Structure formats: C-alpha cells, structure tokens
Amino acid sequence: MGEQFEVSGDSEQEGGLERVRSEAAGEGVKNAAYAARLPKIIPFRELCRCGDEVWIENEGQLYRLRRTKQGKLILTK
C-alpha cells in the first residue's frame, strides 16, 4: 500500500513499463493479491482521442489533464 508508479515516455523507463504490463498480463505474477496491486495502465492517447486534453470529474470537481508540446502531463483544477 502507498506504492507509487511513475510512467514516463523516456526510452530508459519504457522497459520498466513493459515489465509492469507483462506482470499485469500474468507473466511473473505469483498470486492474485500481487496482481491486484499492479497499476491500471491507460495510455494517454486513449483518454484524449480528439486532442491533447481530457476533462475529469471527481466528486463534483472538474480537473483538466493536458499534454504539453514537450510530452509532459499537467493536471489542473
């Protein structure tokens, strides 16, 4: 609990992302409890199919998640 996962587009970290994806797919997963702790990975391009931003509602609050020209993600309230 409290684990944080950082996903980046950097080629160095893509190997780590592929490892997490393969574990989530069942390769190397030893039990269901471990598999349940793995992050749910959704590529940003699937969230924002019509541009570089998506609006997210959470508990009545609206947030804007957008991708910059440099490929960074910014979440604003």
Protein backbone atom coordinates (compact mmCIF):
# COMPACT_ATOMS: atom_id res chain seq x y z
CA MET A 1 0.00 0.00 0.00
CA GLY A 2 1.21 3.51 -0.71
CA GLU A 3 3.29 2.39 -3.68
CA GLN A 4 3.66 4.97 -6.41
CA PHE A 5 4.43 4.24 -10.01
CA GLU A 6 5.92 6.78 -12.34
CA VAL A 7 5.42 6.32 -16.04
CA SER A 8 7.43 8.35 -18.48
CA GLY A 9 7.91 8.40 -22.22
CA ASP A 10 11.66 8.21 -21.77
CA SER A 11 13.16 5.20 -23.52
CA GLU A 12 15.04 4.25 -20.34
CA GLN A 13 11.82 3.87 -18.41
CA GLU A 14 9.85 2.15 -21.18
CA GLY A 15 11.49 -1.13 -20.19
CA GLY A 16 10.03 -0.70 -16.73
CA LEU A 17 6.61 -0.01 -18.20
CA GLU A 18 6.83 -3.14 -20.32
CA ARG A 19 7.76 -5.14 -17.21
CA VAL A 20 4.70 -3.87 -15.36
CA ARG A 21 2.50 -4.62 -18.37
CA SER A 22 3.82 -8.16 -18.69
CA GLU A 23 3.32 -8.75 -14.97
CA ALA A 24 -0.22 -7.40 -15.25
CA ALA A 25 -0.83 -9.80 -18.13
CA GLY A 26 0.10 -12.71 -15.90
CA GLU A 27 3.76 -13.28 -16.76
CA GLY A 28 5.65 -13.49 -13.49
CA VAL A 29 2.58 -12.93 -11.32
CA LYS A 30 2.75 -15.37 -8.42
CA ASN A 31 -0.65 -14.73 -6.87
CA ALA A 32 -3.85 -12.73 -7.30
CA ALA A 33 -3.06 -10.38 -4.40
CA TYR A 34 0.13 -9.22 -6.12
CA ALA A 35 -1.66 -8.81 -9.45
CA ALA A 36 -4.34 -6.66 -7.76
CA ARG A 37 -1.65 -4.21 -6.54
CA LEU A 38 -0.34 -3.55 -10.05
CA PRO A 39 -1.34 -0.20 -11.56
CA LYS A 40 -4.11 0.03 -14.14
CA ILE A 41 -2.28 1.44 -17.17
CA ILE A 42 -4.26 3.50 -19.68
CA PRO A 43 -2.27 5.22 -22.44
CA PHE A 44 -2.98 8.97 -22.57
CA ARG A 45 -3.80 8.74 -26.28
CA GLU A 46 -6.79 6.53 -25.36
CA LEU A 47 -8.05 9.09 -22.85
CA CYS A 48 -7.84 12.07 -25.21
CA ARG A 49 -8.79 10.66 -28.59
CA CYS A 50 -9.73 14.08 -30.00
CA GLY A 51 -6.84 16.28 -28.89
CA ASP A 52 -4.28 16.87 -26.19
CA GLU A 53 -6.56 17.25 -23.18
CA VAL A 54 -9.28 15.50 -21.22
CA TRP A 55 -11.61 16.78 -18.53
CA ILE A 56 -12.04 14.55 -15.48
CA GLU A 57 -14.85 14.82 -12.91
CA ASN A 58 -14.09 13.58 -9.41
CA GLU A 59 -16.52 14.06 -6.51
CA GLY A 60 -18.14 17.07 -8.14
CA GLN A 61 -14.82 18.76 -9.02
CA LEU A 62 -13.60 19.21 -12.60
CA TYR A 63 -9.95 18.69 -13.49
CA ARG A 64 -8.15 19.26 -16.77
CA LEU A 65 -5.41 16.83 -17.80
CA ARG A 66 -3.41 18.06 -20.77
CA ARG A 67 -0.25 17.13 -22.62
CA THR A 68 2.33 19.85 -23.32
CA LYS A 69 4.35 20.21 -26.50
CA GLN A 70 7.23 18.53 -24.64
CA GLY A 71 5.06 15.48 -23.87
CA LYS A 72 4.60 16.22 -20.15
CA LEU A 73 1.20 15.88 -18.48
CA ILE A 74 -0.29 18.70 -16.42
CA LEU A 75 -3.33 18.25 -14.16
CA THR A 76 -5.10 21.45 -13.13
CA LYS A 77 -8.24 22.10 -11.11
